[in-house]
């Protein structure tokens, strides 16, 4: 029993060294709904039970968004499930969480968000190489319906080309 736990930990450490990060949750709809111009990495202010819960299982990132209020960046709409052994130390799963960014980054993002159609969208939540929880956020512009249709058509044609090449190489 102890041997299997050691093997699991070694396999997890090897996979994390190879990739550098362990993904917790991805916001798949963000790339469908927005054109992502720039991406930034931000830290999160979390409690201990929230980090343990993230190690236990994934969180929900689909309806999340970021706001800048009072020269601080905040993450809204992320649901981190309560830790199973947390008891009274569990916090509200839907609370807003502060993002850790440099002052220059916050001022830069605030200036960009004042433009029409710009949004700050969370893309991915992950553990970095030092086992800290990080959030990849994107400075994005909204897509129109015809842009989404063009992306779907391009994806379908790429898939057909890949199938044809695979069939040709057999």
C-alpha atoms as a PDB file:
ATOM      1  CA  UNK A   1       0.000   0.000   0.000  1.00  0.00           C
ATOM      2  CA  UNK A   2       2.754   2.445   0.921  1.00  0.00           C
ATOM      3  CA  UNK A   3       4.680   1.393  -2.182  1.00  0.00           C
ATOM      4  CA  UNK A   4       1.791   2.310  -4.500  1.00  0.00           C
ATOM      5  CA  UNK A   5       1.479   5.731  -2.851  1.00  0.00           C
ATOM      6  CA  UNK A   6       5.188   6.386  -3.388  1.00  0.00           C
ATOM      7  CA  UNK A   7       4.902   5.288  -7.021  1.00  0.00           C
ATOM      8  CA  UNK A   8       1.913   7.588  -7.560  1.00  0.00           C
ATOM      9  CA  UNK A   9       3.766  10.531  -6.038  1.00  0.00           C
ATOM     10  CA  UNK A  10       6.840   9.808  -8.178  1.00  0.00           C
ATOM     11  CA  UNK A  11       4.712   9.610 -11.322  1.00  0.00           C
ATOM     12  CA  UNK A  12       2.960  12.873 -10.442  1.00  0.00           C
ATOM     13  CA  UNK A  13       6.300  14.582  -9.775  1.00  0.00           C
ATOM     14  CA  UNK A  14       7.744  13.316 -13.072  1.00  0.00           C
ATOM     15  CA  UNK A  15       4.727  14.496 -15.067  1.00  0.00           C
ATOM     16  CA  UNK A  16       4.822  17.877 -13.334  1.00  0.00           C
ATOM     17  CA  UNK A  17       8.549  18.307 -14.078  1.00  0.00           C
ATOM     18  CA  UNK A  18       7.951  17.458 -17.721  1.00  0.00           C
ATOM     19  CA  UNK A  19       5.045  19.891 -18.182  1.00  0.00           C
ATOM     20  CA  UNK A  20       5.909  22.393 -15.470  1.00  0.00           C
ATOM     21  CA  UNK A  21       2.290  22.833 -14.441  1.00  0.00           C
ATOM     22  CA  UNK A  22      -0.679  20.715 -13.418  1.00  0.00           C
ATOM     23  CA  UNK A  23      -3.980  21.959 -14.796  1.00  0.00           C
ATOM     24  CA  UNK A  24      -6.880  22.160 -12.358  1.00  0.00           C
ATOM     25  CA  UNK A  25      -9.579  23.638 -14.615  1.00  0.00           C
ATOM     26  CA  UNK A  26      -9.826  25.201 -18.073  1.00  0.00           C
ATOM     27  CA  UNK A  27     -12.366  27.678 -19.341  1.00  0.00           C
ATOM     28  CA  UNK A  28     -13.071  26.098 -22.726  1.00  0.00           C
ATOM     29  CA  UNK A  29     -15.881  28.473 -23.623  1.00  0.00           C
ATOM     30  CA  UNK A  30     -13.604  31.516 -23.280  1.00  0.00           C
ATOM     31  CA  UNK A  31     -11.739  30.847 -26.544  1.00  0.00           C
ATOM     32  CA  UNK A  32     -15.100  30.253 -28.251  1.00  0.00           C
ATOM     33  CA  UNK A  33     -16.692  33.451 -26.966  1.00  0.00           C
ATOM     34  CA  UNK A  34     -13.689  35.819 -27.144  1.00  0.00           C
ATOM     35  CA  UNK A  35     -10.627  36.765 -29.189  1.00  0.00           C
ATOM     36  CA  UNK A  36      -7.811  36.565 -26.622  1.00  0.00           C
ATOM     37  CA  UNK A  37      -5.246  39.302 -27.356  1.00  0.00           C
ATOM     38  CA  UNK A  38      -2.901  38.942 -24.365  1.00  0.00           C
ATOM     39  CA  UNK A  39      -2.491  36.509 -21.506  1.00  0.00           C
ATOM     40  CA  UNK A  40      -1.156  37.137 -18.012  1.00  0.00           C
ATOM     41  CA  UNK A  41      -0.400  34.913 -15.048  1.00  0.00           C
ATOM     42  CA  UNK A  42      -1.829  35.937 -11.684  1.00  0.00           C
ATOM     43  CA  UNK A  43      -1.715  34.456  -8.220  1.00  0.00           C
ATOM     44  CA  UNK A  44      -4.806  33.948  -6.070  1.00  0.00           C
ATOM     45  CA  UNK A  45      -5.496  34.678  -2.415  1.00  0.00           C
ATOM     46  CA  UNK A  46      -6.889  31.374  -1.112  1.00  0.00           C
ATOM     47  CA  UNK A  47      -7.405  29.739   2.261  1.00  0.00           C
ATOM     48  CA  UNK A  48      -5.785  26.424   3.169  1.00  0.00           C
ATOM     49  CA  UNK A  49      -8.963  24.401   2.757  1.00  0.00           C
ATOM     50  CA  UNK A  50      -9.499  25.860  -0.728  1.00  0.00           C
ATOM     51  CA  UNK A  51      -6.040  24.718  -1.833  1.00  0.00           C
ATOM     52  CA  UNK A  52      -6.648  21.253  -0.379  1.00  0.00           C
ATOM     53  CA  UNK A  53      -9.976  21.141  -2.186  1.00  0.00           C
ATOM     54  CA  UNK A  54      -8.292  22.076  -5.473  1.00  0.00           C
ATOM     55  CA  UNK A  55      -5.837  19.217  -4.987  1.00  0.00           C
ATOM     56  CA  UNK A  56      -8.781  16.908  -4.321  1.00  0.00           C
ATOM     57  CA  UNK A  57     -10.896  17.825  -7.364  1.00  0.00           C
ATOM     58  CA  UNK A  58     -11.402  20.472 -10.016  1.00  0.00           C
ATOM     59  CA  UNK A  59     -13.354  23.687  -9.679  1.00  0.00           C
ATOM     60  CA  UNK A  60     -15.864  25.373 -11.965  1.00  0.00           C
ATOM     61  CA  UNK A  61     -14.379  28.180 -14.066  1.00  0.00           C
ATOM     62  CA  UNK A  62     -16.897  28.519 -16.902  1.00  0.00           C
ATOM     63  CA  UNK A  63     -18.971  31.480 -15.667  1.00  0.00           C
ATOM     64  CA  UNK A  64     -16.068  33.329 -14.071  1.00  0.00           C
ATOM     65  CA  UNK A  65     -14.934  36.878 -14.842  1.00  0.00           C
ATOM     66  CA  UNK A  66     -12.382  39.369 -13.524  1.00  0.00           C
ATOM     67  CA  UNK A  67     -12.959  42.959 -12.442  1.00  0.00           C
ATOM     68  CA  UNK A  68     -10.681  45.787 -11.364  1.00  0.00           C
ATOM     69  CA  UNK A  69     -12.093  47.774  -8.457  1.00  0.00           C
ATOM     70  CA  UNK A  70     -10.172  50.282  -6.358  1.00  0.00           C
ATOM     71  CA  UNK A  71      -6.767  49.443  -7.900  1.00  0.00           C
ATOM     72  CA  UNK A  72      -7.257  45.759  -7.049  1.00  0.00           C
ATOM     73  CA  UNK A  73      -8.078  42.842  -9.333  1.00  0.00           C
ATOM     74  CA  UNK A  74     -10.872  40.471  -8.257  1.00  0.00           C
ATOM     75  CA  UNK A  75     -12.046  37.106  -9.536  1.00  0.00           C
ATOM     76  CA  UNK A  76     -15.821  36.545  -9.463  1.00  0.00           C
ATOM     77  CA  UNK A  77     -17.929  33.499 -10.211  1.00  0.00           C
ATOM     78  CA  UNK A  78     -15.435  30.698  -9.509  1.00  0.00           C
ATOM     79  CA  UNK A  79     -16.925  27.810  -7.564  1.00  0.00           C
ATOM     80  CA  UNK A  80     -14.356  25.901  -5.495  1.00  0.00           C
ATOM     81  CA  UNK A  81     -16.053  22.922  -3.867  1.00  0.00           C
ATOM     82  CA  UNK A  82     -15.774  22.774  -0.065  1.00  0.00           C
ATOM     83  CA  UNK A  83     -12.974  20.548   1.207  1.00  0.00           C
ATOM     84  CA  UNK A  84     -14.354  17.177   2.312  1.00  0.00           C
ATOM     85  CA  UNK A  85     -12.480  17.235   5.649  1.00  0.00           C
ATOM     86  CA  UNK A  86     -12.656  21.013   6.135  1.00  0.00           C
ATOM     87  CA  UNK A  87     -15.420  21.235   8.711  1.00  0.00           C
ATOM     88  CA  UNK A  88     -15.832  24.737  10.135  1.00  0.00           C
ATOM     89  CA  UNK A  89     -12.774  26.037   8.239  1.00  0.00           C
ATOM     90  CA  UNK A  90     -14.487  25.818   4.856  1.00  0.00           C
ATOM     91  CA  UNK A  91     -15.302  29.233   3.387  1.00  0.00           C
ATOM     92  CA  UNK A  92     -18.068  30.261   0.992  1.00  0.00           C
ATOM     93  CA  UNK A  93     -17.424  28.334  -2.273  1.00  0.00           C
ATOM     94  CA  UNK A  94     -18.657  31.232  -4.443  1.00  0.00           C
ATOM     95  CA  UNK A  95     -16.866  34.126  -2.729  1.00  0.00           C
ATOM     96  CA  UNK A  96     -14.906  36.663  -4.729  1.00  0.00           C
ATOM     97  CA  UNK A  97     -11.151  36.150  -4.603  1.00  0.00           C
ATOM     98  CA  UNK A  98      -8.375  38.700  -4.891  1.00  0.00           C
ATOM     99  CA  UNK A  99      -5.879  38.346  -7.749  1.00  0.00           C
ATOM    100  CA  UNK A 100      -2.207  38.975  -7.059  1.00  0.00           C
ATOM    101  CA  UNK A 101      -0.797  41.225  -9.783  1.00  0.00           C
ATOM    102  CA  UNK A 102       1.825  43.956  -9.857  1.00  0.00           C
ATOM    103  CA  UNK A 103       0.608  47.566  -9.653  1.00  0.00           C
ATOM    104  CA  UNK A 104       1.814  48.269 -13.216  1.00  0.00           C
ATOM    105  CA  UNK A 105      -0.079  45.249 -14.536  1.00  0.00           C
ATOM    106  CA  UNK A 106      -3.277  46.341 -12.798  1.00  0.00           C
ATOM    107  CA  UNK A 107      -2.960  49.897 -14.133  1.00  0.00           C
ATOM    108  CA  UNK A 108      -2.227  48.567 -17.643  1.00  0.00           C
ATOM    109  CA  UNK A 109      -5.254  46.244 -17.546  1.00  0.00           C
ATOM    110  CA  UNK A 110      -7.475  49.009 -16.153  1.00  0.00           C
ATOM    111  CA  UNK A 111      -6.531  51.247 -19.081  1.00  0.00           C
ATOM    112  CA  UNK A 112      -7.182  48.466 -21.594  1.00  0.00           C
ATOM    113  CA  UNK A 113     -10.542  47.570 -20.010  1.00  0.00           C
ATOM    114  CA  UNK A 114     -11.795  51.114 -20.453  1.00  0.00           C
ATOM    115  CA  UNK A 115     -11.855  50.498 -24.218  1.00  0.00           C
ATOM    116  CA  UNK A 116     -15.143  49.350 -25.663  1.00  0.00           C
ATOM    117  CA  UNK A 117     -15.581  45.601 -25.953  1.00  0.00           C
ATOM    118  CA  UNK A 118     -12.608  44.604 -23.807  1.00  0.00           C
ATOM    119  CA  UNK A 119     -12.962  42.017 -21.049  1.00  0.00           C
ATOM    120  CA  UNK A 120     -10.715  40.226 -18.587  1.00  0.00           C
ATOM    121  CA  UNK A 121     -11.439  36.504 -18.872  1.00  0.00           C
ATOM    122  CA  UNK A 122      -9.976  33.667 -16.744  1.00  0.00           C
ATOM    123  CA  UNK A 123      -8.599  30.983 -19.047  1.00  0.00           C
ATOM    124  CA  UNK A 124      -6.975  28.322 -16.879  1.00  0.00           C
ATOM    125  CA  UNK A 125      -6.386  27.508 -13.217  1.00  0.00           C
ATOM    126  CA  UNK A 126      -3.294  25.421 -12.440  1.00  0.00           C
ATOM    127  CA  UNK A 127      -0.530  24.539  -9.994  1.00  0.00           C
ATOM    128  CA  UNK A 128       2.837  25.928 -11.153  1.00  0.00           C
ATOM    129  CA  UNK A 129       6.223  24.235 -10.738  1.00  0.00           C
ATOM    130  CA  UNK A 130       6.410  25.456  -7.108  1.00  0.00           C
ATOM    131  CA  UNK A 131       2.916  24.063  -6.326  1.00  0.00           C
ATOM    132  CA  UNK A 132       1.295  27.481  -6.085  1.00  0.00           C
ATOM    133  CA  UNK A 133      -2.179  28.047  -7.496  1.00  0.00           C
ATOM    134  CA  UNK A 134      -1.992  30.353 -10.517  1.00  0.00           C
ATOM    135  CA  UNK A 135      -4.637  31.736 -12.849  1.00  0.00           C
ATOM    136  CA  UNK A 136      -4.045  32.480 -16.498  1.00  0.00           C
ATOM    137  CA  UNK A 137      -6.168  35.488 -17.470  1.00  0.00           C
ATOM    138  CA  UNK A 138      -6.696  36.855 -20.942  1.00  0.00           C
ATOM    139  CA  UNK A 139      -7.366  40.364 -22.147  1.00  0.00           C
ATOM    140  CA  UNK A 140     -10.073  39.634 -24.695  1.00  0.00           C
ATOM    141  CA  UNK A 141     -12.572  41.124 -27.134  1.00  0.00           C
ATOM    142  CA  UNK A 142     -15.998  39.583 -27.715  1.00  0.00           C
ATOM    143  CA  UNK A 143     -16.715  37.590 -30.857  1.00  0.00           C
ATOM    144  CA  UNK A 144     -19.703  38.143 -33.081  1.00  0.00           C
ATOM    145  CA  UNK A 145     -21.853  35.237 -34.232  1.00  0.00           C
ATOM    146  CA  UNK A 146     -20.307  35.189 -37.711  1.00  0.00           C
ATOM    147  CA  UNK A 147     -16.814  34.995 -36.168  1.00  0.00           C
ATOM    148  CA  UNK A 148     -17.885  31.920 -34.192  1.00  0.00           C
ATOM    149  CA  UNK A 149     -19.310  30.341 -37.357  1.00  0.00           C
ATOM    150  CA  UNK A 150     -16.086  31.006 -39.243  1.00  0.00           C
ATOM    151  CA  UNK A 151     -14.054  29.407 -36.444  1.00  0.00           C
ATOM    152  CA  UNK A 152     -16.295  26.329 -36.449  1.00  0.00           C
ATOM    153  CA  UNK A 153     -16.033  26.045 -40.243  1.00  0.00           C
ATOM    154  CA  UNK A 154     -12.227  26.354 -40.088  1.00  0.00           C
ATOM    155  CA  UNK A 155     -12.075  23.710 -37.338  1.00  0.00           C
ATOM    156  CA  UNK A 156     -14.272  21.336 -39.385  1.00  0.00           C
ATOM    157  CA  UNK A 157     -12.171  21.804 -42.515  1.00  0.00           C
ATOM    158  CA  UNK A 158      -8.958  21.214 -40.552  1.00  0.00           C
ATOM    159  CA  UNK A 159     -10.452  18.024 -39.135  1.00  0.00           C
ATOM    160  CA  UNK A 160     -11.413  16.830 -42.628  1.00  0.00           C
ATOM    161  CA  UNK A 161      -7.919  17.565 -43.931  1.00  0.00           C
ATOM    162  CA  UNK A 162      -6.367  15.656 -41.028  1.00  0.00           C
ATOM    163  CA  UNK A 163      -8.656  12.676 -41.712  1.00  0.00           C
ATOM    164  CA  UNK A 164      -7.784  12.711 -45.410  1.00  0.00           C
ATOM    165  CA  UNK A 165      -4.043  12.855 -44.676  1.00  0.00           C
ATOM    166  CA  UNK A 166      -4.350  10.033 -42.154  1.00  0.00           C
ATOM    167  CA  UNK A 167      -6.226   7.918 -44.696  1.00  0.00           C
ATOM    168  CA  UNK A 168      -3.625   8.748 -47.368  1.00  0.00           C
ATOM    169  CA  UNK A 169      -0.720   7.707 -45.125  1.00  0.00           C
ATOM    170  CA  UNK A 170      -2.204   4.275 -44.327  1.00  0.00           C
END
